[in-house]
Each structure stands twice: as structure tokens, then as C-alpha cells.
Amino acid sequence: MSTSSTAGPVNLFDADLVRDPFGGYSHLREQAPMVRGSFPGLDSPVWLVTRYDDVKTVLGDRRFVNNPANVPGADVHNIREQLIEARGIPREYAVYILDSVLDSDGDDHLRLRRLVSRAFTARRVAELRPRVEEIAEDLLDRLPGHAEDGVADLIEHFAYPLPITVICELVGIPEEDRPLWREWGRSLVSLEPGAMAEPLRHMVTYIRELIARRRSEPGGDLLTGLIRAHDEDGDRLTDTEMVTMVLTLVLAGHETTAHLIGNGTAALLTHPDQLAALRADPGLLPRAVHELMRWCGPVQGTRIRYAAEDVEMDGMTVRRGEPVMAVLVSANYDPRRFDDPHRLDITREPDGHKEVHVGFGHGLHYCLGAALARQEGEVAFGALLRRHPRLGLAVAPEDLDRQFLPFSWRLARLPVRLGA
């Protein structure tokens, strides 16, 4: 892996870096406050911001924008648009990925965020907890039935079904259609050119048909609320924005949480001292979820941002219009902020409420569903360890089947022995 500025930008798809982002980005972080990175096939380099304080600056400072069109007086290339085009997604469907609440800035972002934020308040999430617990218990009731010789895939039969059931109930996706979203979600992580195009078409068509159904059969779900906002005041939400919002909520609302549960379970099972501490004191669950999100969170880099003006950081300058990526995995392993950062310590956070890590981001674009994801993690780990006190890995840790994707840390499968 190239790390020096004289050798050119770091290849973000470099096999060694993707295989070990914890060590790789930690090495880059100590070389310089920022380094250049590149995407294969694209000419535009990206600043990689790797140190904790600088990452928080990029995520919290409005001089960095998500939409390059909001850089004043400059014609800035949209790198995400280039990446989407390179993956073979037709232009008429790319809009549903490129123009979401995650890609907007300022008043536009606030307008979209306010339309759904009530569903994710601390109070609303707390009200959902009994239902989340019910879903978790039901899945664990069924888990032994999926086992062969006492071994079950925890990703397939627990980590994925829990969050996708919760978010689909919240949004208003009928139960019989949820397996479709699991399949579509699998296809979206493929790096093969053209692999995303067909599932994206299916998702957009599905959402449009569901909107038409929900108009004639309104319910108490979030989609019904979006339809009402659109129909009562078209300036608050367009047709395309409504489809994009549903797509964003369902995908973001289950993919990351599923892999937090998968990654976190694997981490606990390979750190018996931490597992024993959590079993001895379930009250540590909120702190444990924070630490697992820091230590093995599934999202390791943010969306690309652009400097709206020249910005000085650590004696280096990001010029107006230049693209920047905040590397969360590097910030969460920065020894300037965390003592012995490569050590898993479920007592690290001061309490279950104060969040020091940046696994859910920071600033205006802080993860809308963070409170729900943390709750689902607490429920999942708590119920799993209580119901299966002898849970163990069914393979050696080095044989776990990882999906090696840039800026993502996830397991394809997690075979566990229920009575190890």
C-alpha cells in the first residue's frame, strides 16, 4: 500500500487497506494530518481526513458541504455521480441515490430531515423498545430450528431480520415484501459494474406502487405521513424526494444495524474477558454498544464533502471545491482521543448516553436513526447472550467470511454454535 505523498494518492480500493482498515488508516493517520486518496478509474483525488479532531471539524463545520453545487463560484465535479455512473446505473435512477437527505445541505437538508425526525426522537424510540424486544425474542425462538448440528448463521437468521423488521414496520413495508428488500440490499453492495441497476429499478418501482396503495389505504406509518406532507404542500416534498426518502430510510435503517450486531457478536465471542464482563453485568449494554460501534462499526468513511472556501487544518489547506472524506475508522482509533485504541473495552465510554466515538457521524448529518440503532444493538446483544449462555463461534476467527468492501466492515455469514 502506498502511503507517501511523493508516491501519489492512496488507492482506496487497495487490497491490504480494505482487508485491514484499522491498521492501514492508523498508519496513514500518523504520517500526516491529511493524505490524498484516489478511486480507481477517477482522476480527481480526495483528501482523506484521519485525525479525530479534524474529522469532527469536517463533519461539523458548514464550510464543508455535501452537494458540490453548493460550492460558490466553482464548477466542481460530483465524485459520487462519477462513481455511480461507473457502476452502470442509468441517469434516471441515479437521482434516487444522489439527491437524498444525506446529500443535501443547509435549509434543504433541514426541510427533509424534519419530515421524518419525529419518528426517531428519543421518546418515540423508547416507545418502540417493547416491540423491538418482541421481535428479537421471536427470532431467537426460531433460531434453533435454523441450526444444522447445532450451528446457525446469525447474520441470516437474527442480525438481518431484526432491524429490517423494525424499520419496515416503522416505514410501512408489508411483511410479505420484506424478503425482497433483503435481496435488493445484497445486490447494492456488489462492486461489479451494472449489478446495482436492476435492484434499484425494482426498488423505485416498488416504492411508487406502495405509495399508490397507501394513498387509498392510509395507516399509522411513516410513509402515510410523507404522503400527507406531499399532498398537503408539494413544496415540502416532491414525488422524487418521497421515493428517495423511503429508499434511504429502509436501506440505511437495516444494513448498518445488521452489521453492527454481526460485527459486535463476533468481537465479543473473540474477547472472552469482555464477554464475561457483559454477562456478569448486563447494565453495561449501552456502554458496550458504543464501544462496539467504535471498535468494529460497519461504516468506516463518510460521504464525500467539498470545501465551500479555503479551510486550514493542522497547517494544511483544503482549497475551495476540493473533495474531502472523513475516515471514521481512523478517528475512532486515534490515540490522541482514545487510550490504547486497538483494545476492545466495553467500559470505555463514561456512561450509556454520552457518545465520544464518531461511528454515527457528527454535526448536521449525524445519523438520524442512531438512537434506534443503539437500542436495537442493546436488545439484540442482551437477548442473545441471555438466551444462549454457551454461545460460541463455529469457525476459527480467521476463517470468518468477511465481505471486503472499501469503507465497510461486515460479515457475509456468522456461524455460531448455540450450545458450544
Protein backbone atom coordinates (compact mmCIF):
# COMPACT_ATOMS: atom_id res chain seq x y z
CA MET A 1 0.00 0.00 0.00
CA SER A 2 1.43 3.41 -0.99
CA THR A 3 1.43 5.94 1.85
CA SER A 4 3.79 8.72 0.90
CA SER A 5 2.70 11.85 -0.90
CA THR A 6 5.56 11.52 -3.38
CA ALA A 7 4.26 8.12 -4.44
CA GLY A 8 0.87 9.56 -5.34
CA PRO A 9 -2.59 9.21 -3.79
CA VAL A 10 -3.50 6.15 -1.77
CA ASN A 11 -5.64 3.70 -3.73
CA LEU A 12 -8.85 3.45 -1.67
CA PHE A 13 -9.52 0.01 -3.16
CA ASP A 14 -6.05 -1.26 -2.22
CA ALA A 15 -6.49 -4.87 -1.11
CA ASP A 16 -4.33 -4.52 2.02
CA LEU A 17 -6.15 -1.36 3.09
CA VAL A 18 -9.58 -2.91 2.57
CA ARG A 19 -8.53 -6.09 4.39
CA ASP A 20 -7.16 -4.17 7.40
CA PRO A 21 -8.60 -0.65 7.53
CA PHE A 22 -7.89 -0.42 11.28
CA GLY A 23 -4.15 -0.81 10.84
CA GLY A 24 -3.95 0.78 7.40
CA TYR A 25 -5.69 4.04 8.20
CA SER A 26 -3.97 4.22 11.60
CA HIS A 27 -0.65 4.10 9.72
CA LEU A 28 -1.78 6.85 7.33
CA ARG A 29 -3.06 8.98 10.22
CA GLU A 30 0.39 9.10 11.78
CA GLN A 31 2.09 10.11 8.51
CA ALA A 32 0.26 13.42 8.13
CA PRO A 33 -3.00 15.13 9.21
CA MET A 34 -4.38 14.57 5.72
CA VAL A 35 -3.35 12.40 2.80
CA ARG A 36 -4.58 12.13 -0.76
CA GLY A 37 -6.71 9.18 -1.79
CA SER A 38 -7.98 8.06 -5.17
CA PHE A 39 -10.77 5.91 -6.57
CA PRO A 40 -9.80 3.54 -9.41
CA GLY A 41 -10.77 5.00 -12.76
CA LEU A 42 -11.28 8.56 -11.49
CA ASP A 43 -8.81 11.39 -11.97
CA SER A 44 -9.92 13.54 -9.02
CA PRO A 45 -8.02 12.83 -5.79
CA VAL A 46 -9.77 13.13 -2.43
CA TRP A 47 -8.38 14.48 0.82
CA LEU A 48 -8.57 11.78 3.50
CA VAL A 49 -9.04 13.38 6.92
CA THR A 50 -7.93 10.84 9.51
CA ARG A 51 -7.41 12.50 12.91
CA TYR A 52 -10.22 12.68 15.45
CA ASP A 53 -10.41 16.47 15.89
CA ASP A 54 -10.11 17.10 12.16
CA VAL A 55 -12.82 14.53 11.37
CA LYS A 56 -15.17 16.32 13.78
CA THR A 57 -14.30 19.61 12.12
CA VAL A 58 -15.16 18.32 8.65
CA LEU A 59 -18.43 16.80 9.89
CA GLY A 60 -19.49 19.78 11.99
CA ASP A 61 -18.23 22.80 10.04
CA ARG A 62 -20.63 24.25 7.48
CA ARG A 63 -17.71 25.31 5.34
CA PHE A 64 -17.83 21.70 4.14
CA VAL A 65 -20.88 20.81 2.03
CA ASN A 66 -22.24 17.51 0.75
CA ASN A 67 -23.58 18.86 -2.53
CA PRO A 68 -20.77 20.21 -4.76
CA ALA A 69 -23.31 22.53 -6.43
CA ASN A 70 -23.28 24.48 -3.16
CA VAL A 71 -19.63 25.48 -3.56
CA PRO A 72 -19.88 29.16 -4.56
CA GLY A 73 -18.20 30.34 -7.72
CA ALA A 74 -16.80 26.98 -8.75
CA ASP A 75 -17.71 24.21 -11.17
CA VAL A 76 -16.97 21.16 -9.03
CA HIS A 77 -17.16 17.59 -10.27
CA ASN A 78 -19.50 15.37 -8.26
CA ILE A 79 -17.34 12.36 -7.46
CA ARG A 80 -20.26 10.27 -6.21
CA GLU A 81 -22.02 10.91 -9.53
CA GLN A 82 -18.94 9.63 -11.35
CA LEU A 83 -18.79 6.55 -9.14
CA ILE A 84 -22.48 5.81 -9.65
CA GLU A 85 -22.09 6.21 -13.41
CA ALA A 86 -19.08 3.87 -13.35
CA ARG A 87 -21.27 1.24 -11.67
CA GLY A 88 -23.64 1.27 -14.63
CA ILE A 89 -26.66 2.97 -13.04
CA PRO A 90 -28.82 4.80 -15.61
CA ARG A 91 -29.04 8.56 -15.08
CA GLU A 92 -32.82 8.46 -14.50
CA TYR A 93 -32.28 6.20 -11.48
CA ALA A 94 -29.08 7.77 -10.16
CA VAL A 95 -31.13 10.68 -8.77
CA TYR A 96 -32.60 8.38 -6.13
CA ILE A 97 -29.13 7.78 -4.73
CA LEU A 98 -27.51 11.16 -5.34
CA ASP A 99 -30.21 13.54 -4.10
CA SER A 100 -31.22 12.17 -0.71
CA VAL A 101 -31.37 13.82 2.69
CA LEU A 102 -27.80 12.52 3.10
CA ASP A 103 -26.59 14.60 0.15
CA SER A 104 -28.32 17.91 0.89
CA ASP A 105 -27.12 20.95 2.81
CA GLY A 106 -28.48 23.79 4.92
CA ASP A 107 -32.18 24.60 4.71
CA ASP A 108 -32.79 21.87 2.14
CA HIS A 109 -31.36 19.26 4.49
CA LEU A 110 -33.36 20.57 7.45
CA ARG A 111 -36.59 20.54 5.39
CA LEU A 112 -36.16 16.86 4.51
CA ARG A 113 -34.88 15.82 7.93
CA ARG A 114 -37.81 17.44 9.77
CA LEU A 115 -40.28 15.39 7.73
CA VAL A 116 -39.10 12.17 9.38
CA SER A 117 -37.25 13.22 12.51
CA ARG A 118 -40.28 12.77 14.80
CA ALA A 119 -40.19 9.03 14.16
CA PHE A 120 -36.65 8.87 15.58
CA THR A 121 -36.86 11.04 18.71
CA ALA A 122 -35.65 9.54 21.99
CA ARG A 123 -39.24 9.32 23.22
CA ARG A 124 -40.52 7.58 20.09
CA VAL A 125 -37.58 5.15 20.10
CA ALA A 126 -38.23 4.33 23.77
CA GLU A 127 -41.87 3.60 22.90
CA LEU A 128 -40.66 1.15 20.24
CA ARG A 129 -38.50 -0.85 22.64
CA PRO A 130 -41.15 -3.42 23.69
CA ARG A 131 -41.79 -4.20 20.03
CA VAL A 132 -38.05 -4.49 19.28
CA GLU A 133 -37.73 -6.88 22.24
CA GLU A 134 -40.69 -8.91 20.98
CA ILE A 135 -39.15 -9.25 17.52
CA ALA A 136 -35.78 -10.28 18.99
CA GLU A 137 -37.35 -12.93 21.22
CA ASP A 138 -39.37 -14.33 18.31
CA LEU A 139 -36.26 -14.61 16.14
CA LEU A 140 -34.37 -16.34 18.96
CA ASP A 141 -37.27 -18.75 19.43
CA ARG A 142 -36.83 -19.77 15.79
CA LEU A 143 -33.02 -19.77 15.73
CA PRO A 144 -32.52 -23.43 16.85
CA GLY A 145 -34.80 -24.51 14.01
CA HIS A 146 -32.36 -22.98 11.51
CA ALA A 147 -29.36 -24.77 13.02
CA GLU A 148 -27.63 -27.78 11.49
CA ASP A 149 -25.73 -29.88 14.02
CA GLY A 150 -26.18 -27.03 16.49
CA VAL A 151 -24.71 -24.37 14.15
CA ALA A 152 -26.74 -21.41 12.83
CA ASP A 153 -25.87 -18.38 10.71
CA LEU A 154 -26.53 -15.43 12.99
CA ILE A 155 -26.40 -12.88 10.15
CA GLU A 156 -29.11 -14.61 8.12
CA HIS A 157 -31.42 -15.56 10.96
CA PHE A 158 -31.00 -12.82 13.56
CA ALA A 159 -28.76 -9.85 12.76
CA TYR A 160 -30.54 -9.00 9.49
CA PRO A 161 -34.18 -9.89 10.28
CA LEU A 162 -34.28 -7.82 13.48
CA PRO A 163 -33.52 -4.34 12.08
CA ILE A 164 -35.25 -4.90 8.74
CA THR A 165 -38.44 -5.91 10.54
CA VAL A 166 -38.25 -2.84 12.79
CA ILE A 167 -37.60 -0.30 10.02
CA CYS A 168 -40.15 -1.85 7.64
CA GLU A 169 -42.85 -1.71 10.32
CA LEU A 170 -41.92 1.90 11.03
CA VAL A 171 -41.95 2.94 7.37
CA GLY A 172 -44.91 0.79 6.32
CA ILE A 173 -43.42 -2.02 4.20
CA PRO A 174 -45.76 -5.06 4.35
CA GLU A 175 -44.31 -8.17 5.99
CA GLU A 176 -44.63 -10.34 2.88
CA ASP A 177 -42.44 -7.91 0.88
CA ARG A 178 -39.51 -7.66 3.31
CA PRO A 179 -37.50 -10.58 1.84
CA LEU A 180 -37.37 -8.58 -1.41
CA TRP A 181 -35.54 -5.77 0.36
CA ARG A 182 -33.03 -8.20 1.79
CA GLU A 183 -32.21 -9.46 -1.71
CA TRP A 184 -32.08 -5.96 -3.17
CA GLY A 185 -29.81 -4.82 -0.36
CA ARG A 186 -27.39 -7.68 -1.06
CA SER A 187 -27.13 -6.62 -4.70
CA LEU A 188 -26.41 -3.00 -3.85
CA VAL A 189 -23.07 -3.81 -2.20
CA SER A 190 -21.70 -5.51 -5.30
CA LEU A 191 -18.80 -3.70 -6.95
CA GLU A 192 -19.50 -5.34 -10.31
CA PRO A 193 -20.42 -2.76 -12.98
CA GLY A 194 -24.17 -2.85 -13.63
CA ALA A 195 -25.02 -5.01 -10.60
CA MET A 196 -26.85 -2.17 -8.85
CA ALA A 197 -29.00 -1.09 -11.78
CA GLU A 198 -31.65 -3.82 -11.75
CA PRO A 199 -32.32 -3.90 -7.99
CA LEU A 200 -32.51 -0.11 -7.92
CA ARG A 201 -35.14 -0.16 -10.67
CA HIS A 202 -37.12 -2.74 -8.70
CA MET A 203 -36.93 -0.70 -5.50
CA VAL A 204 -38.07 2.52 -7.15
CA THR A 205 -40.96 0.76 -8.91
CA TYR A 206 -41.94 -0.97 -5.68
CA ILE A 207 -41.97 2.27 -3.67
CA ARG A 208 -44.07 4.07 -6.28
CA GLU A 209 -46.60 1.23 -6.24
CA LEU A 210 -46.63 1.18 -2.44
CA ILE A 211 -47.26 4.95 -2.33
CA ALA A 212 -50.28 4.46 -4.61
CA ARG A 213 -51.59 1.68 -2.32
CA ARG A 214 -51.02 3.68 0.84
CA ARG A 215 -52.90 6.66 -0.61
CA SER A 216 -56.03 4.53 -0.88
CA GLU A 217 -55.32 2.64 2.37
CA PRO A 218 -53.59 5.06 4.78
CA GLY A 219 -52.10 3.76 8.01
CA GLY A 220 -50.22 4.97 11.05
CA ASP A 221 -46.81 4.53 9.44
CA LEU A 222 -44.15 6.97 8.34
CA LEU A 223 -44.97 6.58 4.64
CA THR A 224 -48.56 7.73 5.24
CA GLY A 225 -47.12 10.82 6.93
CA LEU A 226 -44.86 11.54 3.96
CA ILE A 227 -47.78 11.19 1.56
CA ARG A 228 -49.80 13.63 3.67
CA ALA A 229 -46.92 16.13 3.67
CA HIS A 230 -46.61 15.82 -0.12
CA ASP A 231 -50.32 16.10 -0.85
CA GLU A 232 -50.96 18.99 1.52
CA ASP A 233 -47.93 21.04 0.45
CA GLY A 234 -45.98 19.94 -2.63
CA ASP A 235 -43.24 22.44 -1.80
CA ARG A 236 -42.32 20.42 1.29
CA LEU A 237 -41.72 17.16 -0.55
CA THR A 238 -41.65 16.28 -4.25
CA ASP A 239 -42.57 12.90 -5.77
CA THR A 240 -38.92 12.03 -6.34
CA GLU A 241 -37.94 13.12 -2.83
CA MET A 242 -40.63 10.92 -1.31
CA VAL A 243 -39.39 7.84 -3.16
CA THR A 244 -35.79 8.72 -2.29
CA MET A 245 -36.64 9.17 1.40
CA VAL A 246 -38.29 5.74 1.65
CA LEU A 247 -35.35 4.13 -0.17
CA THR A 248 -32.83 5.85 2.12
CA LEU A 249 -34.66 5.05 5.35
CA VAL A 250 -35.19 1.37 4.61
CA LEU A 251 -31.65 0.70 3.38
CA ALA A 252 -29.85 2.84 5.96
CA GLY A 253 -32.23 1.63 8.67
CA HIS A 254 -31.29 -2.02 8.47
CA GLU A 255 -27.96 -2.56 6.69
CA THR A 256 -25.72 -0.79 9.20
CA THR A 257 -27.55 -2.10 12.28
CA ALA A 258 -27.46 -5.66 10.98
CA HIS A 259 -23.69 -5.47 10.61
CA LEU A 260 -23.23 -3.74 13.97
CA ILE A 261 -24.95 -6.78 15.52
CA GLY A 262 -22.89 -9.21 13.43
CA ASN A 263 -19.55 -7.46 13.95
CA GLY A 264 -20.27 -6.88 17.64
CA THR A 265 -21.21 -10.50 18.31
CA ALA A 266 -18.03 -11.73 16.62
CA ALA A 267 -15.99 -9.22 18.64
CA LEU A 268 -17.48 -10.37 21.94
CA LEU A 269 -17.03 -14.05 21.11
CA THR A 270 -13.35 -13.47 20.34
CA HIS A 271 -12.78 -11.41 23.50
CA PRO A 272 -13.83 -13.71 26.35
CA ASP A 273 -12.92 -11.19 29.06
CA GLN A 274 -15.30 -8.61 27.57
CA LEU A 275 -18.00 -11.23 27.01
CA ALA A 276 -17.70 -12.36 30.63
CA ALA A 277 -17.91 -8.78 31.89
CA LEU A 278 -21.08 -8.16 29.88
CA ARG A 279 -22.66 -11.41 31.01
CA ALA A 280 -21.84 -10.53 34.63
CA ASP A 281 -23.32 -7.04 34.32
CA PRO A 282 -25.98 -6.53 31.60
CA GLY A 283 -26.15 -2.93 32.76
CA LEU A 284 -23.02 -2.42 30.66
CA LEU A 285 -25.01 -2.95 27.44
CA PRO A 286 -25.37 0.75 26.49
CA ARG A 287 -21.64 1.33 27.00
CA ALA A 288 -20.82 -1.91 25.19
CA VAL A 289 -22.82 -0.86 22.12
CA HIS A 290 -20.90 2.44 21.99
CA GLU A 291 -17.58 0.64 22.25
CA LEU A 292 -18.51 -1.93 19.60
CA MET A 293 -19.58 0.88 17.29
CA ARG A 294 -16.18 2.49 17.82
CA TRP A 295 -14.12 -0.69 17.63
CA CYS A 296 -15.83 -2.56 14.77
CA GLY A 297 -18.50 -0.24 13.38
CA PRO A 298 -19.70 -1.20 9.88
CA VAL A 299 -19.40 2.28 8.32
CA GLN A 300 -15.78 3.40 8.16
CA GLY A 301 -15.91 6.51 5.98
CA THR A 302 -18.40 9.28 5.34
CA ARG A 303 -19.89 10.62 2.16
CA ILE A 304 -17.55 12.93 0.30
CA ARG A 305 -17.79 16.58 1.28
CA TYR A 306 -16.47 19.65 -0.54
CA ALA A 307 -14.81 22.75 0.86
CA ALA A 308 -17.03 25.77 0.18
CA GLU A 309 -13.98 28.00 0.81
CA ASP A 310 -10.32 27.55 1.65
CA VAL A 311 -10.04 25.81 5.05
CA GLU A 312 -6.87 25.49 7.15
CA MET A 313 -6.48 22.34 9.23
CA ASP A 314 -3.34 21.29 11.11
CA GLY A 315 -1.16 23.55 8.97
CA MET A 316 -2.56 22.14 5.72
CA THR A 317 -5.04 23.80 3.37
CA VAL A 318 -8.10 22.33 1.72
CA ARG A 319 -8.81 24.57 -1.26
CA ARG A 320 -12.29 25.68 -2.26
CA GLY A 321 -14.03 22.94 -4.22
CA GLU A 322 -11.67 20.16 -3.18
CA PRO A 323 -13.31 16.88 -2.09
CA VAL A 324 -12.78 15.57 1.43
CA MET A 325 -13.63 12.26 3.08
CA ALA A 326 -13.72 11.90 6.86
CA VAL A 327 -12.29 8.49 7.79
CA LEU A 328 -14.34 7.38 10.80
CA VAL A 329 -12.34 4.21 11.48
CA SER A 330 -9.16 6.25 11.75
CA ALA A 331 -10.73 8.86 14.06
CA ASN A 332 -12.14 6.12 16.28
CA TYR A 333 -8.66 4.62 16.63
CA ASP A 334 -6.84 7.93 17.17
CA PRO A 335 -4.62 7.66 20.29
CA ARG A 336 -4.93 11.44 20.66
CA ARG A 337 -8.51 10.80 21.80
CA PHE A 338 -8.65 7.15 22.92
CA ASP A 339 -6.20 5.41 25.24
CA ASP A 340 -4.93 2.15 23.77
CA PRO A 341 -7.46 2.44 20.93
CA HIS A 342 -6.87 -1.01 19.44
CA ARG A 343 -8.05 -2.63 22.68
CA LEU A 344 -11.73 -3.56 22.97
CA ASP A 345 -13.03 -2.23 26.30
CA ILE A 346 -16.79 -2.23 26.86
CA THR A 347 -16.38 0.05 29.89
CA ARG A 348 -14.58 2.72 27.86
CA GLU A 349 -17.47 5.17 27.41
CA PRO A 350 -18.22 7.28 30.52
CA ASP A 351 -21.86 6.17 30.51
CA GLY A 352 -24.51 4.81 28.18
CA HIS A 353 -25.64 8.22 26.99
CA LYS A 354 -22.59 10.34 26.27
CA GLU A 355 -21.11 9.45 22.88
CA VAL A 356 -17.43 10.10 22.29
CA HIS A 357 -16.82 7.99 19.17
CA VAL A 358 -17.86 9.18 15.69
CA GLY A 359 -19.29 5.89 14.46
CA PHE A 360 -22.65 7.57 13.83
CA GLY A 361 -21.06 10.71 12.45
CA HIS A 362 -21.24 14.18 13.94
CA GLY A 363 -22.84 17.55 13.27
CA LEU A 364 -25.78 18.35 10.99
CA HIS A 365 -25.65 14.97 9.26
CA TYR A 366 -25.38 12.92 12.46
CA CYS A 367 -27.18 9.63 11.85
CA LEU A 368 -30.93 10.20 12.10
CA GLY A 369 -31.54 6.66 13.33
CA ALA A 370 -28.63 6.43 15.79
CA ALA A 371 -30.86 6.13 18.87
CA LEU A 372 -32.86 3.34 17.24
CA ALA A 373 -29.69 1.52 16.11
CA ARG A 374 -28.20 1.70 19.61
CA GLN A 375 -31.42 0.39 21.11
CA GLU A 376 -31.59 -2.48 18.62
CA GLY A 377 -27.98 -3.32 19.47
CA GLU A 378 -28.69 -3.32 23.21
CA VAL A 379 -31.75 -5.52 22.75
CA ALA A 380 -30.01 -7.89 20.33
CA PHE A 381 -26.86 -8.47 22.40
CA GLY A 382 -28.79 -8.67 25.66
CA ALA A 383 -31.35 -11.19 24.41
CA LEU A 384 -28.79 -13.29 22.50
CA LEU A 385 -26.44 -13.69 25.47
CA ARG A 386 -29.30 -14.37 27.89
CA ARG A 387 -30.96 -16.97 25.69
CA HIS A 388 -27.71 -18.69 24.67
CA PRO A 389 -25.31 -18.65 27.62
CA ARG A 390 -22.94 -21.09 25.88
CA LEU A 391 -22.88 -19.32 22.51
CA GLY A 392 -19.60 -19.66 20.62
CA LEU A 393 -18.08 -19.30 17.17
CA ALA A 394 -18.42 -22.39 14.98
CA VAL A 395 -15.29 -21.50 12.99
CA ALA A 396 -11.87 -20.13 13.85
CA PRO A 397 -11.84 -16.30 13.98
CA GLU A 398 -9.51 -16.14 10.98
CA ASP A 399 -12.00 -18.21 8.97
CA LEU A 400 -14.92 -15.81 9.38
CA ASP A 401 -16.36 -14.94 5.98
CA ARG A 402 -15.83 -11.20 5.57
CA GLN A 403 -17.10 -9.06 2.73
CA PHE A 404 -14.09 -6.96 1.82
CA LEU A 405 -15.56 -3.64 0.67
CA PRO A 406 -13.95 -0.18 0.77
CA PHE A 407 -15.06 1.82 3.83
CA SER A 408 -17.23 -1.01 5.11
CA TRP A 409 -16.60 -3.74 7.70
CA ARG A 410 -19.08 -6.60 7.55
CA LEU A 411 -19.52 -10.34 7.68
CA ALA A 412 -21.23 -12.30 4.92
CA ARG A 413 -22.04 -15.04 7.46
CA LEU A 414 -21.57 -15.61 11.17
CA PRO A 415 -21.77 -19.34 12.01
CA VAL A 416 -22.30 -19.79 15.73
CA ARG A 417 -22.69 -22.89 17.88
CA LEU A 418 -25.71 -22.36 20.06
CA GLY A 419 -24.61 -24.79 22.75
CA ALA A 420 -20.83 -24.53 22.49
